[in-house]
């Protein structure tokens, strides 16, 4: 298991359409010394991916009426590791990415992200 100190100094993309969940995750990320960038739509995610270098991403697969497939494909192209954070079952299409089911303990989500970073 990676140490949560792996987050220190890193920039983490949070793609989540539920503001309270995004803020909660961002607060936990920040408490571990990382910088969190929150977006809530596919267009916003693609926009920040074009301008910011991320170490890792946390992706909610369902963003209102959108799904994050296009963001996930872009992350894969950029070779940015990501965690799927979702309550839906259809996320199995990305078997190479860890899935943390909602609701999840924040520490479990943070540990999963840290493990991706080594």
N, C-alpha and C. Protein backbone atom coordinates (compact mmCIF):
# COMPACT_ATOMS: atom_id res chain seq x y z
N UNK A 1 0.82 -1.18 0.00
CA UNK A 1 0.00 0.00 0.00
C UNK A 1 0.86 1.25 0.00
N UNK A 2 0.52 2.21 -0.84
CA UNK A 2 1.27 3.46 -0.88
C UNK A 2 0.94 4.32 0.33
N UNK A 3 1.81 5.22 0.62
CA UNK A 3 1.60 6.13 1.74
C UNK A 3 0.81 7.34 1.27
N UNK A 4 -0.04 7.85 2.14
CA UNK A 4 -0.79 9.05 1.76
C UNK A 4 0.15 10.23 1.57
N UNK A 5 1.39 10.12 2.04
CA UNK A 5 2.36 11.19 1.80
C UNK A 5 2.71 11.28 0.31
N UNK A 6 2.35 10.25 -0.47
CA UNK A 6 2.56 10.29 -1.92
C UNK A 6 1.77 11.43 -2.55
N UNK A 7 0.77 11.93 -1.85
CA UNK A 7 -0.04 13.04 -2.37
C UNK A 7 0.63 14.40 -2.21
N UNK A 8 1.54 14.51 -1.26
CA UNK A 8 2.16 15.80 -0.93
C UNK A 8 2.77 16.45 -2.17
N UNK A 9 2.35 17.70 -2.42
CA UNK A 9 2.89 18.46 -3.53
C UNK A 9 2.32 18.12 -4.89
N UNK A 10 1.38 17.20 -4.95
CA UNK A 10 0.79 16.78 -6.23
C UNK A 10 -0.48 17.57 -6.53
N UNK A 11 -0.86 17.59 -7.80
CA UNK A 11 -2.12 18.21 -8.21
C UNK A 11 -3.09 17.11 -8.61
N UNK A 12 -4.27 17.15 -8.00
CA UNK A 12 -5.28 16.10 -8.17
C UNK A 12 -6.52 16.70 -8.82
N UNK A 13 -6.97 16.08 -9.90
CA UNK A 13 -8.20 16.50 -10.57
C UNK A 13 -9.38 15.74 -9.95
N UNK A 14 -10.39 16.48 -9.55
CA UNK A 14 -11.62 15.89 -9.02
C UNK A 14 -12.75 16.24 -9.98
N UNK A 15 -13.32 15.23 -10.61
CA UNK A 15 -14.44 15.42 -11.54
C UNK A 15 -15.68 14.86 -10.85
N UNK A 16 -16.49 15.74 -10.33
CA UNK A 16 -17.64 15.35 -9.49
C UNK A 16 -18.72 16.41 -9.61
N UNK A 17 -19.95 15.99 -9.94
CA UNK A 17 -21.03 16.96 -10.12
C UNK A 17 -21.77 17.29 -8.83
N UNK A 18 -21.55 16.57 -7.77
CA UNK A 18 -22.19 16.87 -6.50
C UNK A 18 -21.22 17.72 -5.67
N UNK A 19 -21.55 18.99 -5.52
CA UNK A 19 -20.65 19.97 -4.92
C UNK A 19 -20.16 19.56 -3.54
N UNK A 20 -21.05 19.10 -2.68
CA UNK A 20 -20.64 18.74 -1.32
C UNK A 20 -19.65 17.59 -1.31
N UNK A 21 -19.86 16.62 -2.18
CA UNK A 21 -18.92 15.49 -2.28
C UNK A 21 -17.57 15.99 -2.79
N UNK A 22 -17.59 16.84 -3.82
CA UNK A 22 -16.35 17.38 -4.38
C UNK A 22 -15.59 18.18 -3.32
N UNK A 23 -16.29 19.02 -2.56
CA UNK A 23 -15.64 19.82 -1.52
C UNK A 23 -15.05 18.94 -0.43
N UNK A 24 -15.78 17.89 -0.07
CA UNK A 24 -15.30 16.96 0.96
C UNK A 24 -14.01 16.27 0.51
N UNK A 25 -14.01 15.80 -0.73
CA UNK A 25 -12.81 15.14 -1.28
C UNK A 25 -11.65 16.14 -1.36
N UNK A 26 -11.94 17.34 -1.85
CA UNK A 26 -10.90 18.37 -1.99
C UNK A 26 -10.29 18.72 -0.64
N UNK A 27 -11.11 18.81 0.37
CA UNK A 27 -10.62 19.12 1.71
C UNK A 27 -9.69 18.01 2.21
N UNK A 28 -10.06 16.78 1.97
CA UNK A 28 -9.23 15.64 2.39
C UNK A 28 -7.92 15.62 1.61
N UNK A 29 -7.99 15.88 0.31
CA UNK A 29 -6.79 15.94 -0.54
C UNK A 29 -5.84 17.03 -0.02
N UNK A 30 -6.40 18.20 0.26
CA UNK A 30 -5.60 19.32 0.75
C UNK A 30 -4.97 19.01 2.10
N UNK A 31 -5.69 18.30 2.95
CA UNK A 31 -5.16 17.93 4.27
C UNK A 31 -3.93 17.03 4.15
N UNK A 32 -3.79 16.37 3.01
CA UNK A 32 -2.63 15.50 2.77
C UNK A 32 -1.55 16.18 1.94
N UNK A 33 -1.66 17.51 1.80
CA UNK A 33 -0.60 18.28 1.16
C UNK A 33 -0.68 18.38 -0.34
N UNK A 34 -1.80 17.99 -0.93
CA UNK A 34 -1.97 18.07 -2.38
C UNK A 34 -2.85 19.26 -2.74
N UNK A 35 -2.80 19.64 -4.00
CA UNK A 35 -3.64 20.71 -4.52
C UNK A 35 -4.78 20.06 -5.31
N UNK A 36 -6.01 20.39 -4.95
CA UNK A 36 -7.18 19.83 -5.61
C UNK A 36 -7.77 20.83 -6.60
N UNK A 37 -8.09 20.33 -7.80
CA UNK A 37 -8.80 21.13 -8.79
C UNK A 37 -10.13 20.44 -9.04
N UNK A 38 -11.23 21.15 -8.76
CA UNK A 38 -12.57 20.56 -8.89
C UNK A 38 -13.27 21.06 -10.14
N UNK A 39 -13.86 20.13 -10.86
CA UNK A 39 -14.72 20.47 -12.00
C UNK A 39 -15.96 19.58 -11.93
N UNK A 40 -17.03 20.01 -12.61
CA UNK A 40 -18.27 19.25 -12.50
C UNK A 40 -18.85 18.80 -13.83
N UNK A 41 -18.19 19.14 -14.95
CA UNK A 41 -18.70 18.73 -16.26
C UNK A 41 -17.56 18.16 -17.11
N UNK A 42 -17.94 17.45 -18.15
CA UNK A 42 -16.95 16.91 -19.09
C UNK A 42 -16.17 18.05 -19.74
N UNK A 43 -16.86 19.10 -20.18
CA UNK A 43 -16.19 20.22 -20.84
C UNK A 43 -15.17 20.89 -19.92
N UNK A 44 -15.54 21.09 -18.66
CA UNK A 44 -14.60 21.69 -17.70
C UNK A 44 -13.39 20.79 -17.49
N UNK A 45 -13.62 19.49 -17.38
CA UNK A 45 -12.52 18.54 -17.18
C UNK A 45 -11.56 18.57 -18.35
N UNK A 46 -12.09 18.52 -19.56
CA UNK A 46 -11.23 18.55 -20.75
C UNK A 46 -10.47 19.87 -20.83
N UNK A 47 -11.11 20.95 -20.41
CA UNK A 47 -10.46 22.26 -20.42
C UNK A 47 -9.26 22.32 -19.47
N UNK A 48 -9.42 21.85 -18.25
CA UNK A 48 -8.30 21.91 -17.30
C UNK A 48 -7.22 20.89 -17.65
N UNK A 49 -7.59 19.78 -18.26
CA UNK A 49 -6.59 18.80 -18.69
C UNK A 49 -5.70 19.36 -19.79
N UNK A 50 -6.22 20.33 -20.54
CA UNK A 50 -5.44 20.96 -21.61
C UNK A 50 -4.44 21.98 -21.06
N UNK A 51 -4.66 22.45 -19.84
CA UNK A 51 -3.83 23.54 -19.32
C UNK A 51 -3.06 23.22 -18.04
N UNK A 52 -3.39 22.11 -17.38
CA UNK A 52 -2.80 21.79 -16.08
C UNK A 52 -2.25 20.37 -16.08
N UNK A 53 -1.10 20.18 -15.45
CA UNK A 53 -0.52 18.85 -15.34
C UNK A 53 -0.99 18.23 -14.02
N UNK A 54 -1.67 17.11 -14.14
CA UNK A 54 -2.21 16.41 -12.97
C UNK A 54 -1.42 15.13 -12.71
N UNK A 55 -1.26 14.80 -11.43
CA UNK A 55 -0.60 13.55 -11.04
C UNK A 55 -1.59 12.39 -11.07
N UNK A 56 -2.85 12.69 -10.76
CA UNK A 56 -3.88 11.66 -10.62
C UNK A 56 -5.24 12.33 -10.68
N UNK A 57 -6.28 11.54 -10.96
CA UNK A 57 -7.64 12.09 -11.01
C UNK A 57 -8.61 11.17 -10.28
N UNK A 58 -9.65 11.78 -9.75
CA UNK A 58 -10.77 11.07 -9.13
C UNK A 58 -11.99 11.43 -9.97
N UNK A 59 -12.60 10.42 -10.55
CA UNK A 59 -13.67 10.66 -11.53
C UNK A 59 -14.99 10.02 -11.09
N UNK A 60 -16.03 10.83 -11.02
CA UNK A 60 -17.38 10.30 -10.88
C UNK A 60 -17.85 9.98 -12.29
N UNK A 61 -18.23 8.74 -12.53
CA UNK A 61 -18.59 8.33 -13.89
C UNK A 61 -19.84 9.05 -14.40
N UNK A 62 -20.79 9.30 -13.52
CA UNK A 62 -22.03 9.99 -13.91
C UNK A 62 -21.97 11.44 -13.47
N UNK A 63 -22.07 12.33 -14.43
CA UNK A 63 -22.05 13.77 -14.16
C UNK A 63 -23.37 14.36 -14.64
N UNK A 64 -24.37 14.27 -13.81
CA UNK A 64 -25.71 14.70 -14.23
C UNK A 64 -26.18 13.82 -15.37
N UNK A 65 -26.45 14.43 -16.52
CA UNK A 65 -26.89 13.65 -17.69
C UNK A 65 -25.72 13.16 -18.54
N UNK A 66 -24.52 13.60 -18.22
CA UNK A 66 -23.32 13.19 -18.96
C UNK A 66 -22.68 11.97 -18.29
N UNK A 67 -21.86 11.27 -19.06
CA UNK A 67 -20.98 10.31 -18.41
C UNK A 67 -19.55 10.74 -18.74
N UNK A 68 -18.63 10.29 -17.92
CA UNK A 68 -17.26 10.78 -18.00
C UNK A 68 -16.37 9.96 -18.93
N UNK A 69 -16.95 9.18 -19.83
CA UNK A 69 -16.16 8.33 -20.72
C UNK A 69 -15.12 9.11 -21.51
N UNK A 70 -15.50 10.27 -22.02
CA UNK A 70 -14.57 11.08 -22.82
C UNK A 70 -13.41 11.57 -21.95
N UNK A 71 -13.69 11.93 -20.71
CA UNK A 71 -12.63 12.37 -19.79
C UNK A 71 -11.69 11.20 -19.49
N UNK A 72 -12.26 10.03 -19.24
CA UNK A 72 -11.46 8.84 -18.93
C UNK A 72 -10.56 8.49 -20.10
N UNK A 73 -11.10 8.54 -21.30
CA UNK A 73 -10.29 8.24 -22.49
C UNK A 73 -9.14 9.24 -22.62
N UNK A 74 -9.41 10.50 -22.31
CA UNK A 74 -8.37 11.54 -22.39
C UNK A 74 -7.30 11.30 -21.32
N UNK A 75 -7.72 10.93 -20.10
CA UNK A 75 -6.76 10.62 -19.04
C UNK A 75 -5.86 9.46 -19.46
N UNK A 76 -6.46 8.44 -20.07
CA UNK A 76 -5.67 7.29 -20.53
C UNK A 76 -4.66 7.72 -21.59
N UNK A 77 -5.09 8.58 -22.51
CA UNK A 77 -4.20 9.07 -23.56
C UNK A 77 -3.03 9.85 -22.97
N UNK A 78 -3.31 10.64 -21.91
CA UNK A 78 -2.28 11.43 -21.25
C UNK A 78 -1.48 10.61 -20.22
N UNK A 79 -1.88 9.37 -20.03
CA UNK A 79 -1.26 8.46 -19.06
C UNK A 79 -1.31 9.02 -17.64
N UNK A 80 -2.46 9.58 -17.29
CA UNK A 80 -2.71 10.06 -15.94
C UNK A 80 -3.54 8.99 -15.23
N UNK A 81 -3.02 8.44 -14.12
CA UNK A 81 -3.80 7.42 -13.41
C UNK A 81 -5.06 8.04 -12.80
N UNK A 82 -6.09 7.21 -12.66
CA UNK A 82 -7.34 7.72 -12.12
C UNK A 82 -8.07 6.65 -11.33
N UNK A 83 -8.93 7.13 -10.44
CA UNK A 83 -9.81 6.28 -9.64
C UNK A 83 -11.23 6.65 -10.04
N UNK A 84 -12.05 5.64 -10.28
CA UNK A 84 -13.47 5.86 -10.53
C UNK A 84 -14.16 5.89 -9.17
N UNK A 85 -14.89 6.95 -8.89
CA UNK A 85 -15.61 7.10 -7.62
C UNK A 85 -17.09 7.22 -7.98
N UNK A 86 -17.79 6.11 -7.92
CA UNK A 86 -19.15 6.08 -8.44
C UNK A 86 -20.03 5.11 -7.68
N UNK A 87 -21.31 5.35 -7.76
CA UNK A 87 -22.28 4.43 -7.18
C UNK A 87 -22.94 3.56 -8.24
N UNK A 88 -22.50 3.68 -9.49
CA UNK A 88 -23.11 2.94 -10.59
C UNK A 88 -22.28 1.72 -10.96
N UNK A 89 -22.96 0.70 -11.51
CA UNK A 89 -22.30 -0.55 -11.86
C UNK A 89 -21.62 -0.54 -13.23
N UNK A 90 -22.00 0.36 -14.13
CA UNK A 90 -21.48 0.30 -15.49
C UNK A 90 -20.02 0.73 -15.59
N UNK A 91 -19.39 1.09 -14.50
CA UNK A 91 -18.00 1.52 -14.53
C UNK A 91 -17.04 0.35 -14.76
N UNK A 92 -17.54 -0.86 -14.81
CA UNK A 92 -16.69 -2.04 -15.01
C UNK A 92 -15.94 -2.01 -16.33
N UNK A 93 -16.35 -1.14 -17.27
CA UNK A 93 -15.68 -1.05 -18.57
C UNK A 93 -14.22 -0.63 -18.43
N UNK A 94 -13.88 0.02 -17.33
CA UNK A 94 -12.50 0.44 -17.09
C UNK A 94 -11.88 -0.43 -16.00
N UNK A 95 -11.73 -1.70 -16.33
CA UNK A 95 -11.24 -2.67 -15.36
C UNK A 95 -9.81 -2.37 -14.92
N UNK A 96 -9.08 -1.60 -15.72
CA UNK A 96 -7.69 -1.28 -15.36
C UNK A 96 -7.61 -0.17 -14.32
N UNK A 97 -8.72 0.46 -14.00
CA UNK A 97 -8.73 1.53 -13.00
C UNK A 97 -9.42 1.04 -11.73
N UNK A 98 -8.89 1.42 -10.58
CA UNK A 98 -9.58 1.05 -9.35
C UNK A 98 -10.92 1.77 -9.25
N UNK A 99 -11.88 1.10 -8.64
CA UNK A 99 -13.21 1.67 -8.43
C UNK A 99 -13.46 1.74 -6.94
N UNK A 100 -13.81 2.92 -6.47
CA UNK A 100 -14.23 3.10 -5.08
C UNK A 100 -15.71 3.44 -5.14
N UNK A 101 -16.51 2.54 -4.60
CA UNK A 101 -17.97 2.70 -4.67
C UNK A 101 -18.47 3.74 -3.67
N UNK A 102 -19.40 4.56 -4.14
CA UNK A 102 -20.08 5.51 -3.26
C UNK A 102 -21.18 4.76 -2.52
N UNK A 103 -21.43 5.09 -1.29
CA UNK A 103 -20.64 5.99 -0.44
C UNK A 103 -19.40 5.25 0.05
N UNK A 104 -18.32 5.99 0.20
CA UNK A 104 -17.06 5.39 0.67
C UNK A 104 -16.46 6.27 1.75
N UNK A 105 -15.73 5.65 2.64
CA UNK A 105 -14.99 6.43 3.62
C UNK A 105 -13.93 7.23 2.88
N UNK A 106 -13.79 8.50 3.21
CA UNK A 106 -12.81 9.36 2.54
C UNK A 106 -11.41 8.77 2.63
N UNK A 107 -11.07 8.20 3.79
CA UNK A 107 -9.72 7.65 3.95
C UNK A 107 -9.48 6.51 2.96
N UNK A 108 -10.51 5.72 2.67
CA UNK A 108 -10.36 4.64 1.69
C UNK A 108 -10.10 5.22 0.30
N UNK A 109 -10.83 6.25 -0.06
CA UNK A 109 -10.63 6.89 -1.35
C UNK A 109 -9.23 7.49 -1.45
N UNK A 110 -8.80 8.20 -0.41
CA UNK A 110 -7.47 8.83 -0.40
C UNK A 110 -6.38 7.75 -0.47
N UNK A 111 -6.55 6.66 0.25
CA UNK A 111 -5.55 5.60 0.22
C UNK A 111 -5.47 4.98 -1.19
N UNK A 112 -6.60 4.80 -1.85
CA UNK A 112 -6.62 4.25 -3.21
C UNK A 112 -5.88 5.19 -4.17
N UNK A 113 -6.12 6.49 -4.03
CA UNK A 113 -5.44 7.48 -4.87
C UNK A 113 -3.93 7.42 -4.60
N UNK A 114 -3.56 7.38 -3.33
CA UNK A 114 -2.15 7.33 -2.95
C UNK A 114 -1.47 6.07 -3.51
N UNK A 115 -2.18 4.96 -3.46
CA UNK A 115 -1.63 3.70 -3.99
C UNK A 115 -1.29 3.83 -5.47
N UNK A 116 -2.11 4.57 -6.22
CA UNK A 116 -1.83 4.78 -7.65
C UNK A 116 -0.54 5.55 -7.87
N UNK A 117 -0.22 6.43 -6.92
CA UNK A 117 0.97 7.25 -7.04
C UNK A 117 2.23 6.56 -6.53
N UNK A 118 2.03 5.40 -5.91
CA UNK A 118 3.18 4.64 -5.43
C UNK A 118 3.55 5.02 -4.04
